[in-house]
Amino acid sequence: MTLKEYAQYVARVRKYAAKQDVSLEEAVTRAVDECIEEGILAEFLLKNKTEVIKVSIYEYDKEFEEKKLRKAEYEAGRQDGIEIGRQDGIEIGRQDGIEIGKRILLEKIIKKKLKKGKSTEQIADELEEDINIIQKVVEKLKSQI
């Protein structure tokens, strides 16, 4: 028995099992008969035909069920990942929105104080904010004028 011949047998089982109108038992039986006719594992299959059919059906069902299980587990993990990513994205977006809102409010307040003639130092003192931050906002506002 060679690995190549075994691979040919398995490929035939899979080919026939993939057809919708063929049962697994029929697919295995057809593959065994075809392999015997073509001299693929012929001696072994002739001697052990009944056992080969039983084992092949069991193994193929087991393989098929394991594939279905892996696919279902993958899909569940994928959905969990999507949901976690979506929730993380919402939280990041919310935090970004809050920061943007704070920056816009600070710019509005600074703009009003500048119109009243207040210096950068006075604005920083009144808002209890770091002078460097106030200076950056003032420079930005001046560049927009």
N, C-alpha and C. Protein backbone atom coordinates (compact mmCIF):
# COMPACT_ATOMS: atom_id res chain seq x y z
N MET A 1 0.87 -1.18 0.00
CA MET A 1 0.00 0.00 0.00
C MET A 1 0.91 1.24 0.00
N THR A 2 0.64 2.15 -0.93
CA THR A 2 1.46 3.35 -1.00
C THR A 2 0.65 4.56 -0.55
N LEU A 3 1.37 5.56 -0.12
CA LEU A 3 0.73 6.80 0.32
C LEU A 3 0.01 7.46 -0.85
N LYS A 4 0.63 7.39 -2.02
CA LYS A 4 0.02 7.99 -3.22
C LYS A 4 -1.33 7.33 -3.52
N GLU A 5 -1.38 6.00 -3.45
CA GLU A 5 -2.63 5.29 -3.72
C GLU A 5 -3.68 5.62 -2.66
N TYR A 6 -3.24 5.72 -1.42
CA TYR A 6 -4.18 6.06 -0.35
C TYR A 6 -4.75 7.46 -0.59
N ALA A 7 -3.89 8.39 -1.00
CA ALA A 7 -4.33 9.76 -1.29
C ALA A 7 -5.33 9.76 -2.45
N GLN A 8 -5.10 8.91 -3.43
CA GLN A 8 -6.04 8.82 -4.55
C GLN A 8 -7.40 8.30 -4.07
N TYR A 9 -7.37 7.31 -3.20
CA TYR A 9 -8.61 6.76 -2.64
C TYR A 9 -9.37 7.85 -1.86
N VAL A 10 -8.67 8.56 -0.98
CA VAL A 10 -9.30 9.61 -0.17
C VAL A 10 -9.87 10.71 -1.05
N ALA A 11 -9.14 11.07 -2.10
CA ALA A 11 -9.62 12.12 -3.01
C ALA A 11 -10.92 11.70 -3.68
N ARG A 12 -11.02 10.42 -4.03
CA ARG A 12 -12.26 9.93 -4.66
C ARG A 12 -13.42 9.93 -3.67
N VAL A 13 -13.15 9.55 -2.45
CA VAL A 13 -14.21 9.59 -1.43
C VAL A 13 -14.71 11.01 -1.28
N ARG A 14 -13.81 11.94 -1.18
CA ARG A 14 -14.20 13.35 -1.00
C ARG A 14 -14.96 13.87 -2.22
N LYS A 15 -14.50 13.47 -3.40
CA LYS A 15 -15.16 13.93 -4.62
C LYS A 15 -16.62 13.46 -4.65
N TYR A 16 -16.82 12.17 -4.36
CA TYR A 16 -18.19 11.65 -4.40
C TYR A 16 -19.02 12.16 -3.23
N ALA A 17 -18.41 12.32 -2.07
CA ALA A 17 -19.14 12.80 -0.89
C ALA A 17 -19.57 14.25 -1.06
N ALA A 18 -18.86 14.99 -1.91
CA ALA A 18 -19.20 16.40 -2.12
C ALA A 18 -20.47 16.55 -2.96
N LYS A 19 -20.83 15.51 -3.67
CA LYS A 19 -22.06 15.56 -4.48
C LYS A 19 -23.27 15.48 -3.56
N GLN A 20 -24.23 16.34 -3.78
CA GLN A 20 -25.38 16.45 -2.87
C GLN A 20 -26.32 15.24 -2.93
N ASP A 21 -26.39 14.60 -4.05
CA ASP A 21 -27.33 13.49 -4.19
C ASP A 21 -26.73 12.13 -3.83
N VAL A 22 -25.51 12.12 -3.24
CA VAL A 22 -24.82 10.89 -2.91
C VAL A 22 -24.61 10.81 -1.39
N SER A 23 -25.03 9.70 -0.80
CA SER A 23 -24.80 9.53 0.64
C SER A 23 -23.33 9.22 0.88
N LEU A 24 -22.88 9.39 2.11
CA LEU A 24 -21.49 9.13 2.44
C LEU A 24 -21.16 7.66 2.22
N GLU A 25 -22.04 6.78 2.62
CA GLU A 25 -21.80 5.34 2.44
C GLU A 25 -21.68 5.00 0.95
N GLU A 26 -22.55 5.59 0.14
CA GLU A 26 -22.50 5.35 -1.30
C GLU A 26 -21.20 5.91 -1.89
N ALA A 27 -20.77 7.09 -1.42
CA ALA A 27 -19.53 7.69 -1.91
C ALA A 27 -18.33 6.82 -1.60
N VAL A 28 -18.28 6.29 -0.38
CA VAL A 28 -17.16 5.43 0.03
C VAL A 28 -17.17 4.13 -0.77
N THR A 29 -18.34 3.52 -0.90
CA THR A 29 -18.46 2.27 -1.65
C THR A 29 -18.05 2.47 -3.11
N ARG A 30 -18.51 3.56 -3.70
CA ARG A 30 -18.16 3.86 -5.09
C ARG A 30 -16.64 4.05 -5.23
N ALA A 31 -16.04 4.77 -4.29
CA ALA A 31 -14.60 5.01 -4.34
C ALA A 31 -13.82 3.70 -4.19
N VAL A 32 -14.27 2.83 -3.27
CA VAL A 32 -13.60 1.53 -3.07
C VAL A 32 -13.69 0.70 -4.35
N ASP A 33 -14.89 0.59 -4.90
CA ASP A 33 -15.08 -0.21 -6.12
C ASP A 33 -14.24 0.33 -7.28
N GLU A 34 -14.23 1.64 -7.43
CA GLU A 34 -13.47 2.26 -8.51
C GLU A 34 -11.97 2.02 -8.34
N CYS A 35 -11.49 2.13 -7.12
CA CYS A 35 -10.07 1.90 -6.86
C CYS A 35 -9.69 0.45 -7.14
N ILE A 36 -10.56 -0.49 -6.77
CA ILE A 36 -10.28 -1.91 -7.05
C ILE A 36 -10.19 -2.13 -8.55
N GLU A 37 -11.15 -1.56 -9.31
CA GLU A 37 -11.17 -1.70 -10.77
C GLU A 37 -9.91 -1.13 -11.41
N GLU A 38 -9.38 -0.05 -10.85
CA GLU A 38 -8.23 0.63 -11.44
C GLU A 38 -6.89 0.18 -10.84
N GLY A 39 -6.94 -0.79 -9.94
CA GLY A 39 -5.71 -1.33 -9.37
C GLY A 39 -5.09 -0.46 -8.29
N ILE A 40 -5.88 0.45 -7.73
CA ILE A 40 -5.40 1.33 -6.65
C ILE A 40 -5.74 0.66 -5.33
N LEU A 41 -4.74 0.27 -4.61
CA LEU A 41 -4.92 -0.45 -3.33
C LEU A 41 -5.78 -1.69 -3.51
N ALA A 42 -5.81 -2.24 -4.70
CA ALA A 42 -6.75 -3.30 -5.06
C ALA A 42 -6.67 -4.51 -4.12
N GLU A 43 -5.49 -5.02 -3.89
CA GLU A 43 -5.35 -6.22 -3.06
C GLU A 43 -5.86 -5.95 -1.64
N PHE A 44 -5.45 -4.82 -1.09
CA PHE A 44 -5.85 -4.46 0.28
C PHE A 44 -7.37 -4.25 0.36
N LEU A 45 -7.92 -3.52 -0.61
CA LEU A 45 -9.36 -3.23 -0.59
C LEU A 45 -10.19 -4.49 -0.80
N LEU A 46 -9.75 -5.37 -1.64
CA LEU A 46 -10.48 -6.63 -1.85
C LEU A 46 -10.53 -7.45 -0.55
N LYS A 47 -9.40 -7.50 0.15
CA LYS A 47 -9.30 -8.28 1.39
C LYS A 47 -10.12 -7.66 2.53
N ASN A 48 -10.15 -6.32 2.57
CA ASN A 48 -10.70 -5.61 3.74
C ASN A 48 -11.85 -4.65 3.38
N LYS A 49 -12.57 -4.95 2.32
CA LYS A 49 -13.56 -4.01 1.79
C LYS A 49 -14.57 -3.55 2.85
N THR A 50 -15.19 -4.47 3.56
CA THR A 50 -16.21 -4.11 4.54
C THR A 50 -15.65 -3.23 5.65
N GLU A 51 -14.49 -3.61 6.16
CA GLU A 51 -13.87 -2.84 7.24
C GLU A 51 -13.44 -1.46 6.74
N VAL A 52 -12.89 -1.39 5.54
CA VAL A 52 -12.46 -0.11 4.97
C VAL A 52 -13.65 0.83 4.83
N ILE A 53 -14.76 0.29 4.36
CA ILE A 53 -15.97 1.12 4.19
C ILE A 53 -16.43 1.66 5.54
N LYS A 54 -16.50 0.80 6.55
CA LYS A 54 -16.93 1.23 7.89
C LYS A 54 -16.00 2.30 8.46
N VAL A 55 -14.70 2.03 8.40
CA VAL A 55 -13.71 2.96 8.96
C VAL A 55 -13.74 4.28 8.19
N SER A 56 -13.84 4.20 6.87
CA SER A 56 -13.85 5.41 6.05
C SER A 56 -15.06 6.28 6.37
N ILE A 57 -16.20 5.66 6.53
CA ILE A 57 -17.41 6.42 6.87
C ILE A 57 -17.24 7.09 8.22
N TYR A 58 -16.73 6.32 9.20
CA TYR A 58 -16.53 6.89 10.54
C TYR A 58 -15.52 8.03 10.49
N GLU A 59 -14.38 7.81 9.84
CA GLU A 59 -13.32 8.84 9.77
C GLU A 59 -13.79 10.06 9.02
N TYR A 60 -14.50 9.85 7.91
CA TYR A 60 -14.94 10.98 7.11
C TYR A 60 -15.98 11.80 7.89
N ASP A 61 -16.90 11.11 8.56
CA ASP A 61 -17.88 11.82 9.40
C ASP A 61 -17.18 12.60 10.50
N LYS A 62 -16.19 11.99 11.13
CA LYS A 62 -15.45 12.65 12.20
C LYS A 62 -14.73 13.89 11.66
N GLU A 63 -14.07 13.74 10.50
CA GLU A 63 -13.37 14.86 9.89
C GLU A 63 -14.35 15.98 9.53
N PHE A 64 -15.47 15.60 8.96
CA PHE A 64 -16.50 16.57 8.56
C PHE A 64 -17.03 17.32 9.78
N GLU A 65 -17.32 16.58 10.84
CA GLU A 65 -17.84 17.20 12.07
C GLU A 65 -16.79 18.12 12.70
N GLU A 66 -15.53 17.70 12.67
CA GLU A 66 -14.48 18.55 13.22
C GLU A 66 -14.34 19.84 12.42
N LYS A 67 -14.45 19.72 11.09
CA LYS A 67 -14.40 20.92 10.25
C LYS A 67 -15.57 21.85 10.56
N LYS A 68 -16.76 21.28 10.72
CA LYS A 68 -17.93 22.10 11.07
C LYS A 68 -17.73 22.78 12.41
N LEU A 69 -17.19 22.05 13.37
CA LEU A 69 -16.94 22.60 14.70
C LEU A 69 -15.91 23.72 14.63
N ARG A 70 -14.81 23.50 13.90
CA ARG A 70 -13.79 24.54 13.75
C ARG A 70 -14.36 25.77 13.08
N LYS A 71 -15.18 25.56 12.07
CA LYS A 71 -15.79 26.70 11.36
C LYS A 71 -16.71 27.48 12.30
N ALA A 72 -17.51 26.77 13.09
CA ALA A 72 -18.42 27.43 14.03
C ALA A 72 -17.63 28.18 15.10
N GLU A 73 -16.55 27.57 15.59
CA GLU A 73 -15.72 28.24 16.60
C GLU A 73 -15.04 29.46 16.01
N TYR A 74 -14.57 29.36 14.79
CA TYR A 74 -13.94 30.49 14.11
C TYR A 74 -14.95 31.63 13.97
N GLU A 75 -16.14 31.29 13.52
CA GLU A 75 -17.17 32.32 13.30
C GLU A 75 -17.55 32.99 14.62
N ALA A 76 -17.67 32.20 15.69
CA ALA A 76 -17.99 32.77 17.00
C ALA A 76 -16.87 33.71 17.46
N GLY A 77 -15.64 33.29 17.28
CA GLY A 77 -14.49 34.14 17.65
C GLY A 77 -14.45 35.40 16.81
N ARG A 78 -14.76 35.27 15.54
CA ARG A 78 -14.78 36.42 14.64
C ARG A 78 -15.84 37.41 15.08
N GLN A 79 -17.03 36.90 15.40
CA GLN A 79 -18.10 37.78 15.85
C GLN A 79 -17.74 38.47 17.16
N ASP A 80 -17.12 37.72 18.08
CA ASP A 80 -16.67 38.32 19.34
C ASP A 80 -15.66 39.43 19.06
N GLY A 81 -14.74 39.17 18.15
CA GLY A 81 -13.73 40.16 17.78
C GLY A 81 -14.35 41.41 17.18
N ILE A 82 -15.34 41.21 16.33
CA ILE A 82 -16.04 42.35 15.72
C ILE A 82 -16.74 43.16 16.80
N GLU A 83 -17.42 42.48 17.71
CA GLU A 83 -18.15 43.20 18.77
C GLU A 83 -17.20 43.95 19.69
N ILE A 84 -16.10 43.30 20.05
CA ILE A 84 -15.12 43.97 20.92
C ILE A 84 -14.53 45.17 20.18
N GLY A 85 -14.19 44.97 18.91
CA GLY A 85 -13.65 46.06 18.12
C GLY A 85 -14.63 47.21 17.99
N ARG A 86 -15.91 46.88 17.81
CA ARG A 86 -16.93 47.90 17.68
C ARG A 86 -17.05 48.68 19.00
N GLN A 87 -17.08 47.95 20.09
CA GLN A 87 -17.19 48.61 21.40
C GLN A 87 -15.97 49.48 21.67
N ASP A 88 -14.79 48.95 21.35
CA ASP A 88 -13.56 49.74 21.53
C ASP A 88 -13.61 50.98 20.65
N GLY A 89 -14.07 50.81 19.42
CA GLY A 89 -14.18 51.93 18.50
C GLY A 89 -15.13 53.00 19.00
N ILE A 90 -16.25 52.57 19.55
CA ILE A 90 -17.21 53.52 20.11
C ILE A 90 -16.58 54.29 21.27
N GLU A 91 -15.89 53.58 22.13
CA GLU A 91 -15.27 54.23 23.29
C GLU A 91 -14.18 55.20 22.84
N ILE A 92 -13.37 54.79 21.88
CA ILE A 92 -12.32 55.68 21.37
C ILE A 92 -12.97 56.91 20.73
N GLY A 93 -14.01 56.69 19.95
CA GLY A 93 -14.71 57.81 19.32
C GLY A 93 -15.32 58.75 20.34
N ARG A 94 -15.88 58.18 21.40
CA ARG A 94 -16.47 59.00 22.46
C ARG A 94 -15.39 59.85 23.13
N GLN A 95 -14.27 59.23 23.46
CA GLN A 95 -13.17 59.96 24.09
C GLN A 95 -12.63 61.05 23.17
N ASP A 96 -12.48 60.72 21.87
CA ASP A 96 -12.02 61.72 20.91
C ASP A 96 -13.00 62.88 20.84
N GLY A 97 -14.29 62.55 20.82
CA GLY A 97 -15.32 63.59 20.77
C GLY A 97 -15.27 64.51 21.98
N ILE A 98 -15.06 63.95 23.14
CA ILE A 98 -14.95 64.74 24.37
C ILE A 98 -13.74 65.67 24.27
N GLU A 99 -12.61 65.14 23.83
CA GLU A 99 -11.39 65.96 23.71
C GLU A 99 -11.59 67.08 22.69
N ILE A 100 -12.21 66.78 21.58
CA ILE A 100 -12.47 67.82 20.57
C ILE A 100 -13.40 68.89 21.15
N GLY A 101 -14.43 68.43 21.85
CA GLY A 101 -15.35 69.39 22.47
C GLY A 101 -14.66 70.29 23.47
N LYS A 102 -13.77 69.74 24.29
CA LYS A 102 -13.02 70.53 25.26
C LYS A 102 -12.13 71.56 24.55
N ARG A 103 -11.47 71.12 23.48
CA ARG A 103 -10.58 72.01 22.74
C ARG A 103 -11.37 73.16 22.10
N ILE A 104 -12.53 72.85 21.53
CA ILE A 104 -13.36 73.88 20.91
C ILE A 104 -13.84 74.88 21.95
N LEU A 105 -14.26 74.37 23.11
CA LEU A 105 -14.73 75.25 24.18
C LEU A 105 -13.59 76.16 24.67
N LEU A 106 -12.41 75.58 24.85
CA LEU A 106 -11.26 76.36 25.30
C LEU A 106 -10.94 77.45 24.27
N GLU A 107 -10.99 77.09 22.98
CA GLU A 107 -10.72 78.09 21.94
C GLU A 107 -11.75 79.23 21.99
N LYS A 108 -13.02 78.90 22.21
CA LYS A 108 -14.06 79.94 22.28
C LYS A 108 -13.83 80.88 23.45
N ILE A 109 -13.50 80.30 24.59
CA ILE A 109 -13.28 81.11 25.80
C ILE A 109 -12.06 82.02 25.59
N ILE A 110 -10.98 81.45 25.06
CA ILE A 110 -9.76 82.24 24.84
C ILE A 110 -10.04 83.36 23.84
N LYS A 111 -10.78 83.06 22.80
CA LYS A 111 -11.12 84.06 21.78
C LYS A 111 -11.88 85.24 22.41
N LYS A 112 -12.84 84.93 23.29
CA LYS A 112 -13.61 85.98 23.98
C LYS A 112 -12.69 86.83 24.85
N LYS A 113 -11.78 86.17 25.55
CA LYS A 113 -10.89 86.89 26.46
C LYS A 113 -9.90 87.76 25.67
N LEU A 114 -9.46 87.28 24.52
CA LEU A 114 -8.56 88.07 23.67
C LEU A 114 -9.28 89.32 23.16
N LYS A 115 -10.57 89.17 22.81
CA LYS A 115 -11.35 90.31 22.34
C LYS A 115 -11.49 91.37 23.42
N LYS A 116 -11.46 90.94 24.68
CA LYS A 116 -11.55 91.87 25.82
C LYS A 116 -10.19 92.50 26.13
N GLY A 117 -9.16 92.11 25.34
CA GLY A 117 -7.84 92.70 25.52
C GLY A 117 -6.98 92.01 26.56
N LYS A 118 -7.33 90.84 26.98
CA LYS A 118 -6.54 90.13 28.00
C LYS A 118 -5.27 89.56 27.37
N SER A 119 -4.23 89.51 28.16
CA SER A 119 -2.96 88.94 27.69
C SER A 119 -3.00 87.42 27.85
N THR A 120 -2.05 86.79 27.18
CA THR A 120 -1.93 85.32 27.27
C THR A 120 -1.73 84.90 28.72
N GLU A 121 -0.91 85.64 29.45
CA GLU A 121 -0.65 85.31 30.86
C GLU A 121 -1.92 85.44 31.70
N GLN A 122 -2.70 86.51 31.46
CA GLN A 122 -3.93 86.72 32.22
C GLN A 122 -4.94 85.59 31.92
N ILE A 123 -5.04 85.23 30.66
CA ILE A 123 -5.98 84.15 30.29
C ILE A 123 -5.57 82.84 30.97
N ALA A 124 -4.29 82.53 30.92
CA ALA A 124 -3.79 81.30 31.55
C ALA A 124 -4.09 81.32 33.04
N ASP A 125 -3.88 82.47 33.68
CA ASP A 125 -4.12 82.60 35.11
C ASP A 125 -5.61 82.42 35.42
N GLU A 126 -6.48 83.11 34.67
CA GLU A 126 -7.92 83.04 34.92
C GLU A 126 -8.49 81.64 34.66
N LEU A 127 -7.99 81.00 33.65
CA LEU A 127 -8.49 79.65 33.32
C LEU A 127 -7.76 78.55 34.09
N GLU A 128 -6.73 78.95 34.85
CA GLU A 128 -5.91 77.99 35.59
C GLU A 128 -5.41 76.89 34.66
N GLU A 129 -4.85 77.35 33.54
CA GLU A 129 -4.36 76.45 32.50
C GLU A 129 -2.89 76.75 32.24
N ASP A 130 -2.15 75.79 31.79
CA ASP A 130 -0.73 75.96 31.47
C ASP A 130 -0.56 77.02 30.39
N ILE A 131 0.36 77.93 30.60
CA ILE A 131 0.61 79.03 29.67
C ILE A 131 0.96 78.54 28.27
N ASN A 132 1.70 77.43 28.19
CA ASN A 132 2.09 76.88 26.89
C ASN A 132 0.87 76.45 26.07
N ILE A 133 -0.10 75.87 26.74
CA ILE A 133 -1.33 75.45 26.06
C ILE A 133 -2.08 76.68 25.54
N ILE A 134 -2.18 77.70 26.38
CA ILE A 134 -2.87 78.94 25.99
C ILE A 134 -2.15 79.58 24.81
N GLN A 135 -0.83 79.62 24.85
CA GLN A 135 -0.04 80.21 23.76
C GLN A 135 -0.28 79.49 22.44
N LYS A 136 -0.34 78.16 22.49
CA LYS A 136 -0.59 77.39 21.26
C LYS A 136 -1.97 77.71 20.68
N VAL A 137 -2.96 77.83 21.55
CA VAL A 137 -4.31 78.14 21.08
C VAL A 137 -4.34 79.56 20.50
N VAL A 138 -3.69 80.50 21.18
CA VAL A 138 -3.65 81.89 20.70
C VAL A 138 -2.99 81.94 19.33
N GLU A 139 -1.87 81.22 19.17
CA GLU A 139 -1.17 81.19 17.86
C GLU A 139 -2.08 80.60 16.79
N LYS A 140 -2.80 79.57 17.12
CA LYS A 140 -3.73 78.96 16.18
C LYS A 140 -4.82 79.94 15.79
N LEU A 141 -5.37 80.61 16.78
CA LEU A 141 -6.45 81.60 16.50
C LEU A 141 -5.93 82.74 15.64
N LYS A 142 -4.72 83.21 15.90
CA LYS A 142 -4.14 84.30 15.13
C LYS A 142 -3.89 83.88 13.68
N SER A 143 -3.52 82.61 13.48
CA SER A 143 -3.25 82.14 12.12
C SER A 143 -4.56 82.00 11.32
N GLN A 144 -5.67 81.90 12.01
CA GLN A 144 -6.98 81.77 11.34
C GLN A 144 -7.54 83.13 10.93
N ILE A 145 -6.97 84.20 11.46
CA ILE A 145 -7.48 85.54 11.19
C ILE A 145 -7.04 86.01 9.83
